[in-house]
């Protein structure tokens, strides 16, 4: 620990640049990903505001277990299949992926195409299943 502190003191410019880079990266990833909802907040949004869940995992993962009434549109096909979601433009959408880390690009695509309220579920289906919430197979 003493060597680490000595390194930080002797190389304060390098350490400061590294810290600034980490902060910038975290800010960028957070801004790119959009608003995050916990699985419980997702359930409340669906029940109270008639939110719609868009599952962007591939068909095989979706068939292995998904949230009830979720719409499966794989992320690679999202731009081609946006017409299927047009009837939900005024409803809140929750984008779900496997781990909660791939939904940022899908949110950006949806917002660029006029969807007003789009969020992602933090932790994705892995968190949903870890909390023992129901999934349909």
Protein backbone atom coordinates (compact mmCIF):
# COMPACT_ATOMS: atom_id res chain seq x y z
CA UNK A 1 0.00 0.00 0.00
CA UNK A 2 2.89 2.33 0.76
CA UNK A 3 4.31 1.76 -2.71
CA UNK A 4 0.96 2.55 -4.29
CA UNK A 5 0.70 5.82 -2.38
CA UNK A 6 4.28 6.67 -3.32
CA UNK A 7 3.49 5.94 -6.98
CA UNK A 8 0.44 8.22 -6.87
CA UNK A 9 2.46 11.04 -5.34
CA UNK A 10 5.38 10.68 -7.75
CA UNK A 11 3.14 10.34 -10.81
CA UNK A 12 0.29 12.65 -9.89
CA UNK A 13 -0.29 13.80 -13.49
CA UNK A 14 -0.60 10.23 -14.77
CA UNK A 15 -2.84 9.30 -11.84
CA UNK A 16 -5.04 12.35 -12.40
CA UNK A 17 -5.42 11.60 -16.11
CA UNK A 18 -6.30 7.99 -15.33
CA UNK A 19 -8.95 9.08 -12.82
CA UNK A 20 -10.40 11.60 -15.31
CA UNK A 21 -10.54 8.90 -17.98
CA UNK A 22 -12.40 6.49 -15.69
CA UNK A 23 -14.91 9.17 -14.67
CA UNK A 24 -15.47 10.16 -18.30
CA UNK A 25 -15.97 6.53 -19.33
CA UNK A 26 -18.48 5.90 -16.54
CA UNK A 27 -20.38 9.07 -17.41
CA UNK A 28 -20.48 8.10 -21.10
CA UNK A 29 -21.72 4.58 -20.41
CA UNK A 30 -24.39 5.85 -18.03
CA UNK A 31 -25.61 8.51 -20.47
CA UNK A 32 -25.66 6.03 -23.35
CA UNK A 33 -27.62 3.40 -21.47
CA UNK A 34 -30.63 5.54 -20.59
CA UNK A 35 -32.78 5.40 -17.48
CA UNK A 36 -32.53 2.16 -15.53
CA UNK A 37 -35.40 0.50 -13.68
CA UNK A 38 -35.13 -2.33 -11.19
CA UNK A 39 -37.23 -5.44 -11.85
CA UNK A 40 -39.72 -4.26 -9.19
CA UNK A 41 -40.01 -0.83 -10.81
CA UNK A 42 -40.54 -2.56 -14.15
CA UNK A 43 -43.43 -4.59 -12.72
CA UNK A 44 -45.01 -1.43 -11.25
CA UNK A 45 -44.61 0.43 -14.57
CA UNK A 46 -46.28 -2.39 -16.48
CA UNK A 47 -49.13 -2.73 -13.96
CA UNK A 48 -49.83 0.95 -13.28
CA UNK A 49 -49.01 2.65 -16.57
CA UNK A 50 -49.57 -0.25 -18.99
CA UNK A 51 -45.91 -0.32 -19.92
CA UNK A 52 -44.63 -2.62 -22.63
CA UNK A 53 -41.59 -4.86 -22.30
CA UNK A 54 -39.37 -5.25 -25.36
CA UNK A 55 -36.99 -8.20 -25.06
CA UNK A 56 -34.01 -7.72 -27.39
CA UNK A 57 -32.42 -11.12 -26.81
CA UNK A 58 -32.27 -13.65 -29.64
CA UNK A 59 -35.17 -16.06 -30.20
CA UNK A 60 -33.41 -19.01 -28.52
CA UNK A 61 -32.78 -17.08 -25.29
CA UNK A 62 -36.32 -15.65 -25.40
CA UNK A 63 -37.82 -19.14 -25.74
CA UNK A 64 -35.70 -20.30 -22.80
CA UNK A 65 -37.60 -17.92 -20.50
CA UNK A 66 -39.07 -14.44 -20.80
CA UNK A 67 -41.33 -11.99 -19.01
CA UNK A 68 -45.06 -12.47 -19.56
CA UNK A 69 -46.39 -10.47 -22.56
CA UNK A 70 -42.88 -9.33 -23.57
CA UNK A 71 -42.38 -8.56 -27.24
CA UNK A 72 -39.30 -10.27 -28.71
CA UNK A 73 -37.41 -8.21 -31.24
CA UNK A 74 -33.72 -9.20 -31.40
CA UNK A 75 -31.42 -6.18 -31.24
CA UNK A 76 -29.98 -6.94 -34.69
CA UNK A 77 -33.47 -6.68 -36.24
CA UNK A 78 -34.81 -3.75 -34.21
CA UNK A 79 -34.48 -1.12 -36.95
CA UNK A 80 -36.25 -3.37 -39.45
CA UNK A 81 -39.11 -4.21 -37.09
CA UNK A 82 -39.86 -0.79 -35.58
CA UNK A 83 -43.28 -0.79 -37.28
CA UNK A 84 -44.40 -3.50 -34.82
CA UNK A 85 -43.85 -1.06 -31.95
CA UNK A 86 -45.48 2.03 -33.49
CA UNK A 87 -48.75 1.37 -31.68
CA UNK A 88 -46.86 1.68 -28.37
CA UNK A 89 -45.23 5.08 -29.06
CA UNK A 90 -47.17 6.83 -26.31
CA UNK A 91 -46.74 4.04 -23.74
CA UNK A 92 -43.66 3.56 -21.59
CA UNK A 93 -41.31 0.93 -23.00
CA UNK A 94 -38.84 -1.12 -20.98
CA UNK A 95 -36.01 -2.71 -22.95
CA UNK A 96 -34.73 -6.00 -21.54
CA UNK A 97 -31.56 -7.86 -22.54
CA UNK A 98 -29.69 -10.70 -20.84
CA UNK A 99 -27.53 -8.71 -18.39
CA UNK A 100 -28.79 -5.14 -18.75
CA UNK A 101 -25.71 -3.96 -20.62
CA UNK A 102 -26.78 -4.28 -24.26
CA UNK A 103 -29.98 -2.29 -24.13
CA UNK A 104 -28.38 1.15 -24.51
CA UNK A 105 -28.17 0.98 -28.30
CA UNK A 106 -31.78 -0.22 -28.53
CA UNK A 107 -32.93 2.68 -26.37
CA UNK A 108 -31.07 5.13 -28.59
CA UNK A 109 -32.66 3.63 -31.71
CA UNK A 110 -36.15 3.82 -30.20
CA UNK A 111 -35.70 7.42 -29.02
CA UNK A 112 -34.43 8.46 -32.47
CA UNK A 113 -37.63 7.05 -33.96
CA UNK A 114 -40.03 9.03 -31.79
CA UNK A 115 -40.61 6.84 -28.75
CA UNK A 116 -41.06 9.20 -25.82
CA UNK A 117 -40.64 7.07 -22.69
CA UNK A 118 -37.98 4.36 -22.99
CA UNK A 119 -36.06 2.77 -20.11
CA UNK A 120 -33.96 -0.31 -19.56
CA UNK A 121 -34.23 -2.94 -16.87
CA UNK A 122 -31.04 -3.03 -14.83
CA UNK A 123 -29.56 -6.49 -14.57
CA UNK A 124 -31.67 -7.78 -17.45
CA UNK A 125 -33.25 -11.21 -17.41
CA UNK A 126 -30.42 -12.52 -15.24
CA UNK A 127 -31.50 -10.20 -12.42
CA UNK A 128 -35.18 -10.97 -13.06
CA UNK A 129 -34.55 -14.69 -12.67
CA UNK A 130 -32.17 -14.20 -9.72
CA UNK A 131 -34.97 -12.47 -7.84
CA UNK A 132 -37.29 -15.40 -8.50
CA UNK A 133 -39.76 -13.41 -10.58
CA UNK A 134 -41.99 -15.39 -12.95
CA UNK A 135 -40.80 -16.21 -16.45
CA UNK A 136 -42.71 -17.94 -19.21
CA UNK A 137 -41.04 -20.72 -21.23
